[in-house]
Amino acid sequence: MAATPIAVVTGASSGIGAATARTLAAEGFRVVLTARRKDRIEALAAELTDAGHQATAYALDVTDRAAVDEFATAFRSLAVLVNNAGGALGADPVATGDPADWRQMYETNVIGTLNVTQALLPALTASGDGTIVILSSTAGLSTYEGGGGYVAAKHGEHVLAETLRLEIVGTPVRVIEVAPGMVRTEEFATTRFRGDTEKAAKVYAGVDAPLTAEDVADTIGWAVTRPSHVNIDLLVVRPRAQASNTKVHRTL
């Protein structure tokens, strides 16, 4: 009997990461959930196990390279890596943005993705049929005012995906980039505005049906389960109410 394929999901403690873990578990993967908040991923692993799926929680900070390398020693073969850990901080213009916020966003979104991808690439290759998913953003494709630091980080992540695909072509590993637009989750905007729920709510005010974490997870699940020879290089997914990063229909 063939072994159950393993999928690692970073940033799995909430939002898109947690939804992706549920989706991949339902698709038959044994999911390994990583995030800094151990209690959250352990609760999710228990939920999935109770539902008859295979799930393991592993507390991990993707910016800690030594910890990532230690985590990678557990895998000789790996089917899927979903690089989801990331996030935004602040919405200040370039003139007054906090360099510490820019640095943290770059470390988490870009260096974190680099750390995990480098560490797990040998196991993905050894599987003979590996898939790397990089969760970027439409912010990685075009700019908007007040988003300089996050946009710069997501552009970096987008270029990482493009370059990696060029460099490993011919190996049994495909690189899929999923770039969501406006997604309403329980934490993203609130974290960006440092707990200011009023500011966070204004991001989605009047928008008819922003994307949900489950919408993005469904997209990831679809892309990952295409036949091995099919590579979804870049998939941009937005709600119908959003035409671009700066053009959103609001019923206000």
Protein backbone atom coordinates (compact mmCIF):
# COMPACT_ATOMS: atom_id res chain seq x y z
CA MET A 1 0.00 0.00 0.00
CA ALA A 2 1.34 3.41 -0.97
CA ALA A 3 2.17 5.80 1.86
CA THR A 4 -0.18 8.70 2.47
CA PRO A 5 1.31 11.82 0.83
CA ILE A 6 2.43 14.49 3.27
CA ALA A 7 1.66 18.20 2.98
CA VAL A 8 3.33 20.86 5.13
CA VAL A 9 1.39 24.08 5.67
CA THR A 10 3.12 27.06 7.27
CA GLY A 11 1.15 29.73 9.10
CA ALA A 12 -1.56 27.15 9.77
CA SER A 13 -2.84 28.62 13.03
CA SER A 14 -5.60 30.71 11.45
CA GLY A 15 -7.05 32.15 8.26
CA ILE A 16 -5.90 30.83 4.91
CA GLY A 17 -3.36 28.47 6.46
CA ALA A 18 -5.90 26.73 8.69
CA ALA A 19 -8.44 26.55 5.86
CA THR A 20 -5.80 25.08 3.54
CA ALA A 21 -4.90 22.43 6.08
CA ARG A 22 -8.56 21.40 6.27
CA THR A 23 -8.84 21.31 2.48
CA LEU A 24 -5.69 19.23 1.96
CA ALA A 25 -6.68 16.85 4.74
CA ALA A 26 -10.01 16.31 2.98
CA GLU A 27 -8.07 15.63 -0.23
CA GLY A 28 -6.29 12.75 1.48
CA PHE A 29 -3.01 14.31 2.55
CA ARG A 30 -1.41 13.82 5.94
CA VAL A 31 -1.04 17.43 6.94
CA VAL A 32 1.75 18.84 9.07
CA LEU A 33 0.65 22.14 10.59
CA THR A 34 3.29 24.70 11.48
CA ALA A 35 2.97 28.11 13.13
CA ARG A 36 4.33 29.93 16.14
CA ARG A 37 1.11 29.54 18.15
CA LYS A 38 1.38 25.96 19.33
CA ASP A 39 -2.02 25.88 21.03
CA ARG A 40 -3.84 26.89 17.84
CA ILE A 41 -2.23 24.30 15.59
CA GLU A 42 -2.60 21.56 18.21
CA ALA A 43 -6.32 22.33 18.42
CA LEU A 44 -6.61 22.18 14.62
CA ALA A 45 -4.66 18.92 14.47
CA ALA A 46 -7.02 17.45 17.07
CA GLU A 47 -10.04 18.66 15.07
CA LEU A 48 -8.75 17.02 11.91
CA THR A 49 -7.83 13.80 13.70
CA ASP A 50 -11.27 13.60 15.27
CA ALA A 51 -12.72 13.93 11.76
CA GLY A 52 -10.74 10.89 10.62
CA HIS A 53 -7.84 12.71 8.94
CA GLN A 54 -4.11 12.51 9.62
CA ALA A 55 -2.65 15.67 11.11
CA THR A 56 0.37 16.69 13.16
CA ALA A 57 1.19 20.02 14.80
CA TYR A 58 4.72 21.40 14.95
CA ALA A 59 5.46 24.80 16.51
CA LEU A 60 7.78 26.70 14.17
CA ASP A 61 8.97 30.23 13.47
CA VAL A 62 9.85 30.28 9.76
CA THR A 63 12.32 33.13 10.30
CA ASP A 64 14.43 30.93 12.62
CA ARG A 65 16.66 29.09 10.15
CA ALA A 66 18.13 26.70 12.72
CA ALA A 67 14.64 25.66 13.82
CA VAL A 68 13.52 25.24 10.20
CA ASP A 69 16.53 23.06 9.41
CA GLU A 70 15.79 20.90 12.45
CA PHE A 71 12.15 20.58 11.36
CA ALA A 72 13.25 19.48 7.88
CA THR A 73 15.20 16.50 9.23
CA ALA A 74 11.87 14.75 9.87
CA PHE A 75 11.21 14.41 6.13
CA ARG A 76 12.89 12.11 3.66
CA SER A 77 10.06 12.54 1.18
CA LEU A 78 7.42 15.25 0.95
CA ALA A 79 4.57 15.75 -1.52
CA VAL A 80 3.46 19.35 -0.91
CA LEU A 81 4.77 22.47 0.78
CA VAL A 82 2.40 25.40 1.19
CA ASN A 83 4.32 28.56 2.08
CA ASN A 84 1.53 30.56 3.67
CA ALA A 85 3.22 32.23 6.67
CA GLY A 86 3.39 35.98 6.18
CA GLY A 87 1.33 39.07 6.86
CA ALA A 88 1.20 42.85 6.76
CA LEU A 89 2.08 45.53 9.30
CA GLY A 90 0.97 49.12 9.03
CA ALA A 91 -0.41 51.21 6.18
CA ASP A 92 1.85 54.24 6.36
CA PRO A 93 3.24 56.04 3.31
CA VAL A 94 6.85 55.46 2.35
CA ALA A 95 7.83 58.83 3.83
CA THR A 96 6.83 57.82 7.36
CA GLY A 97 6.77 54.02 7.32
CA ASP A 98 8.52 52.25 10.18
CA PRO A 99 11.66 50.46 8.94
CA ALA A 100 11.13 47.84 11.66
CA ASP A 101 7.75 46.97 10.11
CA TRP A 102 9.30 46.72 6.64
CA ARG A 103 12.07 44.50 7.98
CA GLN A 104 9.66 42.20 9.81
CA MET A 105 7.41 41.85 6.74
CA TYR A 106 10.41 41.03 4.56
CA GLU A 107 11.76 38.51 7.07
CA THR A 108 8.44 36.68 7.40
CA ASN A 109 7.13 36.82 3.83
CA VAL A 110 10.37 36.44 1.88
CA ILE A 111 13.11 35.02 4.11
CA GLY A 112 10.64 32.73 5.88
CA THR A 113 9.51 31.34 2.53
CA LEU A 114 13.13 31.01 1.44
CA ASN A 115 14.12 29.20 4.65
CA VAL A 116 11.37 26.59 4.48
CA THR A 117 11.67 26.08 0.72
CA GLN A 118 15.44 25.57 0.86
CA ALA A 119 15.20 23.21 3.81
CA LEU A 120 12.44 21.03 2.35
CA LEU A 121 13.41 21.09 -1.34
CA PRO A 122 15.51 17.88 -1.06
CA ALA A 123 12.54 15.98 0.41
CA LEU A 124 10.20 17.40 -2.23
CA THR A 125 12.60 16.31 -4.95
CA ALA A 126 13.07 12.87 -3.39
CA SER A 127 9.32 12.27 -3.56
CA GLY A 128 9.55 12.19 -7.35
CA ASP A 129 6.44 14.37 -7.55
CA GLY A 130 6.70 17.42 -5.30
CA THR A 131 4.71 20.65 -5.29
CA ILE A 132 5.67 23.99 -3.77
CA VAL A 133 2.87 26.50 -3.29
CA ILE A 134 3.77 30.10 -2.54
CA LEU A 135 0.97 32.27 -1.22
CA SER A 136 1.83 35.72 -2.46
CA SER A 137 -0.76 38.42 -3.07
CA THR A 138 -2.00 40.76 -5.75
CA ALA A 139 0.22 43.18 -3.81
CA GLY A 140 3.10 41.28 -5.37
CA LEU A 141 1.91 42.24 -8.85
CA SER A 142 0.97 45.92 -8.50
CA THR A 143 1.37 48.73 -6.01
CA TYR A 144 -1.04 50.81 -3.95
CA GLU A 145 -0.63 53.82 -1.66
CA GLY A 146 0.03 53.04 1.96
CA GLY A 147 1.22 49.53 1.19
CA GLY A 148 4.88 50.07 0.32
CA GLY A 149 6.41 47.69 2.83
CA TYR A 150 3.94 44.88 2.25
CA VAL A 151 3.98 45.40 -1.51
CA ALA A 152 7.79 45.26 -1.53
CA ALA A 153 7.78 42.03 0.48
CA LYS A 154 5.16 40.39 -1.72
CA HIS A 155 7.00 41.47 -4.88
CA GLY A 156 10.03 39.71 -3.39
CA GLU A 157 8.00 36.56 -2.77
CA HIS A 158 6.61 36.68 -6.32
CA VAL A 159 10.11 36.95 -7.78
CA LEU A 160 11.29 34.11 -5.53
CA ALA A 161 8.59 31.87 -7.03
CA GLU A 162 9.39 32.89 -10.62
CA THR A 163 13.12 32.41 -10.18
CA LEU A 164 12.82 29.08 -8.41
CA ARG A 165 10.61 27.75 -11.20
CA LEU A 166 13.28 28.66 -13.75
CA GLU A 167 16.08 27.15 -11.71
CA ILE A 168 14.51 23.76 -10.93
CA VAL A 169 12.83 23.09 -14.26
CA GLY A 170 13.54 19.50 -15.23
CA THR A 171 13.27 18.26 -11.65
CA PRO A 172 10.11 16.50 -10.38
CA VAL A 173 8.98 19.59 -8.45
CA ARG A 174 6.51 22.20 -9.66
CA VAL A 175 6.16 25.73 -8.28
CA ILE A 176 2.67 27.18 -7.97
CA GLU A 177 1.99 30.77 -6.97
CA VAL A 178 -1.44 31.76 -5.72
CA ALA A 179 -2.01 35.52 -5.45
CA PRO A 180 -5.22 36.44 -3.63
CA GLY A 181 -6.77 39.88 -3.69
CA MET A 182 -9.15 41.07 -0.98
CA VAL A 183 -9.66 38.26 1.54
CA ARG A 184 -11.56 38.81 4.75
CA THR A 185 -10.15 36.66 7.54
CA GLU A 186 -10.41 36.98 11.30
CA GLU A 187 -6.90 38.39 11.75
CA PHE A 188 -5.17 39.83 8.67
CA ALA A 189 -6.44 43.42 8.71
CA THR A 190 -6.67 43.54 12.50
CA THR A 191 -3.01 42.54 12.78
CA ARG A 192 -2.05 45.06 10.12
CA PHE A 193 -3.68 47.84 12.13
CA ARG A 194 -2.30 46.55 15.45
CA GLY A 195 -5.61 45.47 16.91
CA ASP A 196 -7.65 48.48 15.74
CA THR A 197 -10.84 46.66 14.74
CA GLU A 198 -12.49 49.87 13.50
CA LYS A 199 -9.73 50.49 10.95
CA ALA A 200 -9.75 46.84 9.99
CA ALA A 201 -13.49 46.88 9.36
CA LYS A 202 -13.15 49.88 7.03
CA VAL A 203 -11.01 47.80 4.65
CA TYR A 204 -14.07 45.69 3.80
CA ALA A 205 -16.81 48.29 4.35
CA GLY A 206 -19.49 48.13 1.67
CA VAL A 207 -17.74 45.35 -0.26
CA ASP A 208 -20.17 42.67 -1.34
CA ALA A 209 -18.67 39.28 -0.49
CA PRO A 210 -14.89 39.63 -0.15
CA LEU A 211 -13.04 36.35 -0.58
CA THR A 212 -12.93 34.04 2.43
CA ALA A 213 -10.06 31.89 3.64
CA GLU A 214 -12.00 28.89 2.38
CA ASP A 215 -12.18 30.38 -1.13
CA VAL A 216 -8.39 30.64 -1.27
CA ALA A 217 -7.92 27.21 0.29
CA ASP A 218 -10.23 25.72 -2.33
CA THR A 219 -8.10 27.34 -5.03
CA ILE A 220 -4.93 25.90 -3.51
CA GLY A 221 -6.50 22.45 -3.22
CA TRP A 222 -7.51 22.58 -6.89
CA ALA A 223 -4.06 23.67 -8.06
CA VAL A 224 -2.24 21.05 -5.99
CA THR A 225 -4.43 18.19 -7.21
CA ARG A 226 -3.98 18.85 -10.95
CA PRO A 227 -2.15 16.06 -12.82
CA SER A 228 1.58 16.09 -12.13
CA HIS A 229 2.49 17.46 -15.56
CA VAL A 230 0.19 20.47 -15.10
CA ASN A 231 1.81 23.47 -13.40
CA ILE A 232 -0.38 26.41 -12.39
CA ASP A 233 2.39 29.00 -12.60
CA LEU A 234 0.38 31.93 -11.26
CA LEU A 235 -3.25 32.05 -10.24
CA VAL A 236 -4.75 35.44 -9.32
CA VAL A 237 -8.01 35.23 -7.42
CA ARG A 238 -10.13 38.22 -6.41
CA PRO A 239 -13.72 38.80 -5.34
CA ARG A 240 -16.03 39.99 -8.11
CA ALA A 241 -16.25 43.39 -6.41
CA GLN A 242 -12.52 44.00 -6.80
CA ALA A 243 -11.14 44.85 -10.24
CA SER A 244 -7.65 45.80 -9.03
CA ASN A 245 -5.80 46.70 -5.84
CA THR A 246 -7.16 50.23 -6.12
CA LYS A 247 -10.54 49.66 -7.81
CA VAL A 248 -13.14 48.15 -5.46
CA HIS A 249 -16.90 48.48 -5.75
CA ARG A 250 -18.48 49.55 -2.46
CA THR A 251 -22.22 49.91 -1.80
CA LEU A 252 -21.86 52.91 0.49
